[in-house]
Amino acid sequence: EAQERSLVSLEEARAQARSNNTDLKLFQKKYAVAKANYEQTRAVLLPQIRLTNTSTFTNNPLMAFGFKLLQRDVSTPDFDPDLLNDPGDVENFNTRIEVQQPRINVDGWQERKAANLQLEISNLQQERYLEYLDLEVSKTYMQLQLAYKSIAVLEKALETAAENEKTARNNLEQGLIQNADYLNVQVRLGEVENQLLAARSQAENVSEYLSVLIGNGANSYLTPESELLPVNQESSSSIELNTERKDIKANAIAAEAQKKMYSSSKMNFVPRANAMASYGWNDPEFMGFGADNYVVGIQLSWDLFGGYKNIGKIHKEKALLEQAELEQQKYLDQSEMELNKALRHRSESQNRMVLAGMAVEQSKEALRVTTNRFEQGLEKTMDLLYAESQFLEKELAYYESVFNLNYSHAYLEFLSK
């Protein structure tokens, strides 16, 4: 299938990723699951209502007389001993509406609070992924800029190598150089051609990844709208870790949610109270509404000992709480370390870019001098080839240093949000 080629800006790529990225949609589904789990905890607050219809057929003397009582259809002949002992087949159709209303359910309330915190965690994780997605799109976009800049540099180097090959051929024909020198020039030309092919392949790979990242699929070939240039940003070495950063906050809330679960497990020993009521009809006919009755009450239950199940659950939730608190501290330490590392990397990248820029100018001048001397027959072919390769290497290294500096700025912004 032919690839579509289109220009794209960084802002457009970010916007499309926020709308179409598959991983982001997965986070949204995880949030929907957390929300559904929280909705289920409403059971500790809201009543449960059930409608039943039970059809019963029996010749059991006790049940048969009971059905007549329920149907309010007992008469004097029903006390005949022969009829009491052998009532025959008796039918009863019971239609009933039952309502149960939780009144006191302390452990369930704690679980509901924990589920609400899990919902908040899921929302924070989704928002943090959006920030990470912006970073990943920016990084990939800059990689695409670097790939196109490398192609431009190599195309220029290929032109130079082709011109030198032509000059070398003329020198060979005039007897100014040996055949081995000319072969080295040809080898150099082939090396640059191979580097250019690799750079174009890399551009396609990065373009394809960016296309998938923003939800365009793998058949859209993207070209960056802007070229790779150093981003001018103020450098500060006093950036501090923001403990309100969404992923750090999510870890803190996870520990708080586990604290609620631990509290819930301890509340299993607290009595529960549930109100209940039912209203029913008993009739010898299907779906009949003959004799009605009601039952209203309140149930108080207290699990005094559950075979060590509740105690074991308390120990488990306590261990999970301690684990969550340790993981929270570990994440804080790692985040602090990552921020310091990023600050050092940015400083290093700034210095590397300055030095790489100077190296480009020096190697460019060396190539110019060597080329002039070669054309005059004052330099060896290998000297020219070395000057060419050095200039190409330094130029590619410079643009890679620009990419590293730009990305270090973007990564620091991500870490300090």
Protein backbone atom coordinates (compact mmCIF):
# COMPACT_ATOMS: atom_id res chain seq x y z
CA GLU A 1 0.00 0.00 0.00
CA ALA A 2 1.38 3.41 -0.97
CA GLN A 3 2.34 5.72 1.85
CA GLU A 4 0.77 9.13 2.17
CA ARG A 5 3.32 11.91 2.57
CA SER A 6 2.34 14.92 4.63
CA LEU A 7 3.94 17.79 6.50
CA VAL A 8 3.21 17.90 10.22
CA SER A 9 4.03 20.41 12.94
CA LEU A 10 4.86 19.48 16.53
CA GLU A 11 1.63 21.07 17.78
CA GLU A 12 -0.45 19.11 15.26
CA ALA A 13 1.30 15.87 16.20
CA ARG A 14 0.60 16.45 19.90
CA ALA A 15 -3.05 17.28 19.27
CA GLN A 16 -3.57 14.18 17.12
CA ALA A 17 -1.86 11.97 19.70
CA ARG A 18 -4.16 13.28 22.46
CA SER A 19 -7.17 12.40 20.30
CA ASN A 20 -6.13 9.12 18.69
CA ASN A 21 -3.34 7.44 20.68
CA THR A 22 -4.24 3.81 21.44
CA ASP A 23 -2.42 3.63 24.79
CA LEU A 24 -4.28 6.74 25.94
CA LYS A 25 -7.58 5.05 25.05
CA LEU A 26 -6.48 2.07 27.17
CA PHE A 27 -5.90 4.40 30.13
CA GLN A 28 -9.38 5.80 29.60
CA LYS A 29 -10.80 2.27 29.77
CA LYS A 30 -8.85 1.61 32.98
CA TYR A 31 -10.44 4.76 34.42
CA ALA A 32 -13.86 3.47 33.36
CA VAL A 33 -13.16 0.19 35.21
CA ALA A 34 -12.10 2.09 38.36
CA LYS A 35 -15.24 4.19 38.12
CA ALA A 36 -17.41 1.08 37.81
CA ASN A 37 -15.68 -0.45 40.86
CA TYR A 38 -16.47 2.70 42.83
CA GLU A 39 -20.09 2.63 41.69
CA GLN A 40 -20.41 -0.91 43.04
CA THR A 41 -19.56 0.33 46.54
CA ARG A 42 -22.86 2.23 46.60
CA ALA A 43 -24.28 -1.06 47.82
CA VAL A 44 -23.22 -0.07 51.37
CA LEU A 45 -25.51 2.98 51.15
CA LEU A 46 -28.40 2.12 48.85
CA PRO A 47 -31.20 -0.42 49.38
CA GLN A 48 -31.44 -3.73 47.59
CA ILE A 49 -34.88 -4.48 46.15
CA ARG A 50 -35.93 -7.88 44.87
CA LEU A 51 -39.17 -9.18 43.36
CA THR A 52 -39.79 -12.95 43.48
CA ASN A 53 -42.58 -15.33 42.53
CA THR A 54 -42.37 -18.81 44.06
CA SER A 55 -44.66 -21.64 42.95
CA THR A 56 -44.92 -24.55 45.43
CA PHE A 57 -46.78 -27.88 45.15
CA THR A 58 -46.86 -30.29 48.11
CA ASN A 59 -48.75 -33.02 49.95
CA ASN A 60 -46.71 -32.44 53.12
CA PRO A 61 -49.34 -32.13 55.89
CA LEU A 62 -47.53 -29.39 57.80
CA MET A 63 -46.71 -27.30 54.71
CA ALA A 64 -50.17 -27.83 53.24
CA PHE A 65 -51.86 -26.46 56.38
CA GLY A 66 -49.32 -23.62 56.48
CA PHE A 67 -50.16 -22.67 52.86
CA LYS A 68 -53.85 -22.49 53.78
CA LEU A 69 -52.96 -20.21 56.67
CA LEU A 70 -50.89 -18.00 54.39
CA GLN A 71 -53.78 -17.88 51.93
CA ARG A 72 -56.14 -17.10 54.84
CA ASP A 73 -58.39 -19.86 53.65
CA VAL A 74 -58.63 -22.06 56.80
CA SER A 75 -62.12 -23.20 57.72
CA THR A 76 -63.59 -25.66 60.31
CA PRO A 77 -63.55 -28.71 57.96
CA ASP A 78 -59.80 -28.20 57.50
CA PHE A 79 -59.32 -29.40 61.11
CA ASP A 80 -60.68 -32.83 60.27
CA PRO A 81 -57.91 -35.27 61.33
CA ASP A 82 -58.24 -37.28 58.14
CA LEU A 83 -57.76 -34.10 56.05
CA LEU A 84 -54.92 -32.89 58.24
CA ASN A 85 -53.09 -36.20 57.85
CA ASP A 86 -53.76 -36.54 54.13
CA PRO A 87 -54.32 -33.09 52.64
CA GLY A 88 -53.76 -34.21 49.04
CA ASP A 89 -52.02 -31.89 46.58
CA VAL A 90 -51.92 -28.25 47.72
CA GLU A 91 -50.62 -25.37 45.60
CA ASN A 92 -49.33 -22.02 46.75
CA PHE A 93 -48.11 -19.10 44.63
CA ASN A 94 -46.14 -16.54 46.61
CA THR A 95 -45.34 -13.13 45.11
CA ARG A 96 -43.00 -11.04 47.24
CA ILE A 97 -41.17 -7.70 47.20
CA GLU A 98 -38.14 -7.62 49.52
CA VAL A 99 -36.13 -4.57 50.56
CA GLN A 100 -32.83 -4.57 52.46
CA GLN A 101 -31.34 -1.27 53.62
CA PRO A 102 -27.80 -1.19 55.10
CA ARG A 103 -27.73 0.87 58.26
CA ILE A 104 -24.33 0.26 59.84
CA ASN A 105 -21.53 -1.18 57.69
CA VAL A 106 -18.29 0.44 58.86
CA ASP A 107 -15.91 -1.83 56.93
CA GLY A 108 -17.93 -1.26 53.74
CA TRP A 109 -17.70 2.51 54.21
CA GLN A 110 -13.91 2.26 54.45
CA GLU A 111 -13.79 0.12 51.30
CA ARG A 112 -15.90 2.73 49.52
CA LYS A 113 -13.42 5.44 50.51
CA ALA A 114 -10.56 3.25 49.23
CA ALA A 115 -12.38 2.71 45.92
CA ASN A 116 -12.87 6.47 45.59
CA LEU A 117 -9.12 6.97 46.08
CA GLN A 118 -8.42 4.32 43.42
CA LEU A 119 -10.63 6.31 41.06
CA GLU A 120 -8.57 9.42 41.81
CA ILE A 121 -5.35 7.45 41.22
CA SER A 122 -6.61 6.25 37.85
CA ASN A 123 -7.46 9.81 36.85
CA LEU A 124 -3.99 11.06 37.88
CA GLN A 125 -2.32 8.23 35.97
CA GLN A 126 -4.30 9.14 32.88
CA GLU A 127 -3.33 12.81 33.18
CA ARG A 128 0.33 11.89 33.74
CA TYR A 129 0.28 9.66 30.67
CA LEU A 130 -0.96 12.64 28.66
CA GLU A 131 2.14 14.55 29.79
CA TYR A 132 4.33 11.56 28.93
CA LEU A 133 2.62 11.29 25.54
CA ASP A 134 3.47 14.94 24.83
CA LEU A 135 7.09 14.17 25.73
CA GLU A 136 7.22 11.04 23.58
CA VAL A 137 5.70 12.86 20.60
CA SER A 138 8.19 15.72 21.05
CA LYS A 139 11.11 13.30 21.28
CA THR A 140 10.02 11.38 18.18
CA TYR A 141 9.39 14.60 16.28
CA MET A 142 12.91 15.80 17.16
CA GLN A 143 14.30 12.42 16.08
CA LEU A 144 12.53 12.89 12.76
CA GLN A 145 14.05 16.38 12.46
CA LEU A 146 17.48 14.87 13.20
CA ALA A 147 16.94 12.17 10.57
CA TYR A 148 16.05 14.75 7.91
CA LYS A 149 18.97 16.94 8.91
CA SER A 150 21.29 13.92 8.61
CA ILE A 151 19.88 13.23 5.14
CA ALA A 152 20.57 16.84 4.11
CA VAL A 153 24.14 16.68 5.44
CA LEU A 154 24.82 13.35 3.74
CA GLU A 155 23.34 14.51 0.45
CA LYS A 156 25.73 17.46 0.54
CA ALA A 157 28.59 15.13 1.47
CA LEU A 158 27.64 12.87 -1.43
CA GLU A 159 27.88 15.82 -3.84
CA THR A 160 31.33 16.65 -2.47
CA ALA A 161 32.44 13.02 -2.69
CA ALA A 162 31.18 12.84 -6.29
CA GLU A 163 33.09 16.02 -7.22
CA ASN A 164 36.25 14.66 -5.60
CA GLU A 165 35.79 11.39 -7.48
CA LYS A 166 35.60 13.35 -10.71
CA THR A 167 38.73 15.33 -9.80
CA ALA A 168 40.55 12.15 -8.83
CA ARG A 169 39.62 10.52 -12.13
CA ASN A 170 41.05 13.48 -14.01
CA ASN A 171 44.22 13.36 -11.90
CA LEU A 172 44.50 9.63 -12.59
CA GLU A 173 44.21 10.22 -16.33
CA GLN A 174 46.93 12.87 -16.07
CA GLY A 175 49.13 10.52 -14.08
CA LEU A 176 49.07 12.73 -11.00
CA ILE A 177 47.79 9.96 -8.66
CA GLN A 178 48.02 6.21 -8.48
CA ASN A 179 45.15 3.84 -9.30
CA ALA A 180 45.00 2.80 -5.61
CA ASP A 181 44.29 6.42 -4.65
CA TYR A 182 41.47 6.60 -7.15
CA LEU A 183 40.00 3.34 -5.80
CA ASN A 184 40.05 4.82 -2.26
CA VAL A 185 38.05 7.82 -3.53
CA GLN A 186 35.51 5.45 -5.07
CA VAL A 187 35.28 3.50 -1.83
CA ARG A 188 34.66 6.75 0.02
CA LEU A 189 31.88 7.64 -2.43
CA GLY A 190 30.27 4.25 -1.81
CA GLU A 191 30.49 4.71 1.98
CA VAL A 192 28.65 8.03 1.81
CA GLU A 193 25.99 6.50 -0.44
CA ASN A 194 25.47 3.71 2.10
CA GLN A 195 25.24 6.21 4.96
CA LEU A 196 22.64 8.16 3.01
CA LEU A 197 20.59 5.01 2.39
CA ALA A 198 20.75 4.20 6.13
CA ALA A 199 19.69 7.76 7.05
CA ARG A 200 16.69 7.59 4.72
CA SER A 201 15.70 4.24 6.17
CA GLN A 202 15.99 5.69 9.69
CA ALA A 203 13.77 8.62 8.67
CA GLU A 204 11.12 6.17 7.47
CA ASN A 205 11.33 4.15 10.69
CA VAL A 206 10.95 7.24 12.90
CA SER A 207 8.16 8.58 10.68
CA GLU A 208 6.28 5.31 10.97
CA TYR A 209 6.60 5.29 14.76
CA LEU A 210 5.39 8.88 14.99
CA SER A 211 2.48 8.02 12.72
CA VAL A 212 1.45 5.12 14.97
CA LEU A 213 1.97 7.29 18.06
CA ILE A 214 -0.50 9.92 16.84
CA GLY A 215 -2.99 7.31 15.68
CA ASN A 216 -2.50 7.57 11.90
CA GLY A 217 -1.51 3.93 11.45
CA ALA A 218 1.70 2.69 9.83
CA ASN A 219 1.00 3.84 6.27
CA SER A 220 1.35 7.59 6.68
CA TYR A 221 4.79 9.04 5.89
CA LEU A 222 5.34 12.21 7.93
CA THR A 223 7.74 15.04 7.22
CA PRO A 224 8.60 17.60 9.94
CA GLU A 225 7.36 21.09 9.17
CA SER A 226 10.32 22.70 10.96
CA GLU A 227 14.02 21.85 10.95
CA LEU A 228 16.24 20.93 13.86
CA LEU A 229 17.52 24.05 15.63
CA PRO A 230 18.74 24.61 19.20
CA VAL A 231 15.87 25.55 21.51
CA ASN A 232 16.57 28.73 23.43
CA GLN A 233 15.55 28.14 27.03
CA GLU A 234 16.79 29.58 30.27
CA SER A 235 18.94 27.10 32.14
CA SER A 236 18.47 26.81 35.87
CA SER A 237 20.24 24.43 38.18
CA SER A 238 17.81 25.13 41.06
CA ILE A 239 14.88 23.06 39.76
CA GLU A 240 13.34 21.12 42.64
CA LEU A 241 11.17 18.03 42.66
CA ASN A 242 7.46 18.84 42.70
CA THR A 243 5.82 16.43 45.14
CA GLU A 244 2.45 17.42 43.64
CA ARG A 245 3.51 15.94 40.30
CA LYS A 246 0.72 13.66 39.16
CA ASP A 247 2.60 10.36 39.31
CA ILE A 248 4.10 11.17 42.73
CA LYS A 249 0.70 12.24 44.02
CA ALA A 250 -0.83 9.02 42.66
CA ASN A 251 1.73 6.99 44.65
CA ALA A 252 0.90 8.93 47.80
CA ILE A 253 -2.83 8.36 47.29
CA ALA A 254 -2.16 4.64 46.68
CA ALA A 255 -0.64 4.44 50.16
CA GLU A 256 -3.66 6.31 51.55
CA ALA A 257 -6.05 3.90 49.80
CA GLN A 258 -4.21 0.95 51.29
CA LYS A 259 -4.55 2.60 54.70
CA LYS A 260 -8.32 2.61 54.18
CA MET A 261 -8.25 -1.07 53.27
CA TYR A 262 -6.28 -1.80 56.44
CA SER A 263 -8.83 0.15 58.46
CA SER A 264 -11.64 -1.74 56.72
CA SER A 265 -10.13 -5.10 57.65
CA LYS A 266 -10.02 -4.07 61.33
CA MET A 267 -13.64 -2.97 61.12
CA ASN A 268 -14.74 -6.52 60.28
CA PHE A 269 -15.11 -7.02 64.04
CA VAL A 270 -17.59 -4.13 64.32
CA PRO A 271 -21.29 -5.17 64.35
CA ARG A 272 -23.34 -4.63 61.20
CA ALA A 273 -26.96 -3.53 61.12
CA ASN A 274 -29.34 -3.94 58.18
CA ALA A 275 -33.01 -3.02 58.00
CA MET A 276 -35.28 -5.33 56.03
CA ALA A 277 -38.89 -5.34 54.90
CA SER A 278 -40.98 -7.52 52.67
CA TYR A 279 -44.54 -7.48 51.35
CA GLY A 280 -46.07 -10.55 49.76
CA TRP A 281 -49.18 -12.23 48.45
CA ASN A 282 -50.15 -15.92 48.72
CA ASP A 283 -52.76 -17.43 46.42
CA PRO A 284 -53.74 -20.87 45.12
CA GLU A 285 -53.75 -19.38 41.58
CA PHE A 286 -50.67 -18.39 39.55
CA MET A 287 -49.91 -14.65 39.84
CA GLY A 288 -52.77 -14.34 42.30
CA PHE A 289 -52.84 -11.54 44.84
CA GLY A 290 -55.20 -13.00 47.40
CA ALA A 291 -53.86 -12.88 50.95
CA ASP A 292 -51.28 -10.20 51.62
CA ASN A 293 -48.75 -9.97 54.45
CA TYR A 294 -45.71 -8.02 55.47
CA VAL A 295 -42.55 -8.46 57.51
CA VAL A 296 -40.47 -5.60 58.92
CA GLY A 297 -37.34 -5.94 60.99
CA ILE A 298 -33.73 -5.04 61.63
CA GLN A 299 -30.84 -7.46 61.79
CA LEU A 300 -27.79 -6.90 63.96
CA SER A 301 -24.88 -9.26 63.22
CA TRP A 302 -21.48 -9.54 64.81
CA ASP A 303 -18.77 -11.85 63.48
CA LEU A 304 -16.94 -12.74 66.68
CA PHE A 305 -14.57 -15.29 65.20
CA GLY A 306 -14.21 -16.41 61.59
CA GLY A 307 -11.68 -19.19 61.90
CA TYR A 308 -8.76 -16.70 61.86
CA LYS A 309 -9.88 -15.46 58.43
CA ASN A 310 -10.45 -11.87 59.60
CA ILE A 311 -7.25 -11.78 61.65
CA GLY A 312 -5.28 -13.09 58.67
CA LYS A 313 -6.84 -10.41 56.47
CA ILE A 314 -5.78 -7.71 58.94
CA HIS A 315 -2.19 -8.97 58.85
CA LYS A 316 -2.27 -9.06 55.06
CA GLU A 317 -3.63 -5.50 54.71
CA LYS A 318 -1.09 -4.22 57.24
CA ALA A 319 1.77 -5.78 55.26
CA LEU A 320 0.38 -4.29 52.04
CA LEU A 321 0.19 -0.88 53.74
CA GLU A 322 3.83 -1.06 54.83
CA GLN A 323 4.76 -2.17 51.32
CA ALA A 324 2.85 0.76 49.78
CA GLU A 325 4.57 3.24 52.10
CA LEU A 326 8.01 1.83 51.22
CA GLU A 327 7.20 1.97 47.51
CA GLN A 328 6.07 5.58 47.91
CA GLN A 329 9.39 6.55 49.53
CA LYS A 330 11.35 4.59 46.94
CA TYR A 331 9.51 6.37 44.11
CA LEU A 332 10.24 9.75 45.69
CA ASP A 333 13.95 8.92 45.96
CA GLN A 334 14.10 7.64 42.39
CA SER A 335 12.27 10.73 41.11
CA GLU A 336 14.72 13.01 42.94
CA MET A 337 17.64 11.06 41.51
CA GLU A 338 16.17 11.18 37.98
CA LEU A 339 15.69 14.95 38.21
CA ASN A 340 19.30 15.51 39.34
CA LYS A 341 20.54 13.22 36.58
CA ALA A 342 18.50 15.16 33.99
CA LEU A 343 19.92 18.47 35.23
CA ARG A 344 23.46 17.14 34.83
CA HIS A 345 22.64 15.75 31.40
CA ARG A 346 21.30 19.12 30.25
CA SER A 347 24.45 20.90 31.42
CA GLU A 348 26.57 18.28 29.70
CA SER A 349 24.49 18.58 26.52
CA GLN A 350 24.98 22.36 26.44
CA ASN A 351 28.75 21.97 26.69
CA ARG A 352 28.81 19.19 24.10
CA MET A 353 26.85 21.31 21.63
CA VAL A 354 29.25 24.25 22.01
CA LEU A 355 32.27 21.99 21.54
CA ALA A 356 30.61 20.18 18.62
CA GLY A 357 29.92 23.53 16.92
CA MET A 358 33.56 24.52 17.27
CA ALA A 359 34.66 21.13 15.91
CA VAL A 360 32.45 21.62 12.85
CA GLU A 361 34.04 25.00 12.08
CA GLN A 362 37.55 23.63 12.55
CA SER A 363 36.96 20.52 10.41
CA LYS A 364 35.22 22.65 7.76
CA GLU A 365 38.26 24.91 7.48
CA ALA A 366 40.60 21.90 7.45
CA LEU A 367 38.58 20.37 4.60
CA ARG A 368 38.66 23.62 2.62
CA VAL A 369 42.45 23.91 2.92
CA THR A 370 43.01 20.22 2.16
CA THR A 371 40.70 20.35 -0.88
CA ASN A 372 42.54 23.36 -2.33
CA ARG A 373 45.91 21.71 -1.81
CA PHE A 374 44.65 18.44 -3.29
CA GLU A 375 43.43 20.20 -6.41
CA GLN A 376 46.94 21.69 -6.71
CA GLY A 377 48.49 18.27 -6.24
CA LEU A 378 49.97 19.23 -2.87
CA GLU A 379 47.98 16.82 -0.70
CA LYS A 380 47.62 13.07 -0.78
CA THR A 381 44.30 11.47 -1.61
CA MET A 382 44.09 9.84 1.84
CA ASP A 383 44.50 13.25 3.48
CA LEU A 384 41.53 14.55 1.52
CA LEU A 385 39.41 11.52 2.35
CA TYR A 386 40.28 11.86 6.03
CA ALA A 387 39.36 15.58 6.01
CA GLU A 388 36.05 14.75 4.31
CA SER A 389 35.15 12.02 6.77
CA GLN A 390 36.12 14.22 9.71
CA PHE A 391 33.92 17.09 8.54
CA LEU A 392 30.97 14.77 7.93
CA GLU A 393 31.44 13.09 11.29
CA LYS A 394 31.65 16.41 13.16
CA GLU A 395 28.63 17.86 11.36
CA LEU A 396 26.48 14.83 12.14
CA ALA A 397 27.74 14.89 15.75
CA TYR A 398 26.78 18.56 16.04
CA TYR A 399 23.18 17.96 15.01
CA GLU A 400 22.99 14.98 17.35
CA SER A 401 24.18 17.28 20.16
CA VAL A 402 21.42 19.75 19.22
CA PHE A 403 18.87 16.94 19.48
CA ASN A 404 20.26 15.87 22.87
CA LEU A 405 20.08 19.42 24.21
CA ASN A 406 16.53 19.98 22.95
CA TYR A 407 15.38 16.67 24.39
CA SER A 408 17.07 17.37 27.73
CA HIS A 409 15.04 20.59 27.97
CA ALA A 410 11.81 18.73 27.16
CA TYR A 411 12.60 15.92 29.62
CA LEU A 412 13.39 18.36 32.42
CA GLU A 413 10.10 20.12 31.78
CA PHE A 414 8.36 16.75 32.03
CA LEU A 415 10.11 15.87 35.31
CA SER A 416 9.47 19.27 36.92
CA LYS A 417 5.73 19.53 36.14
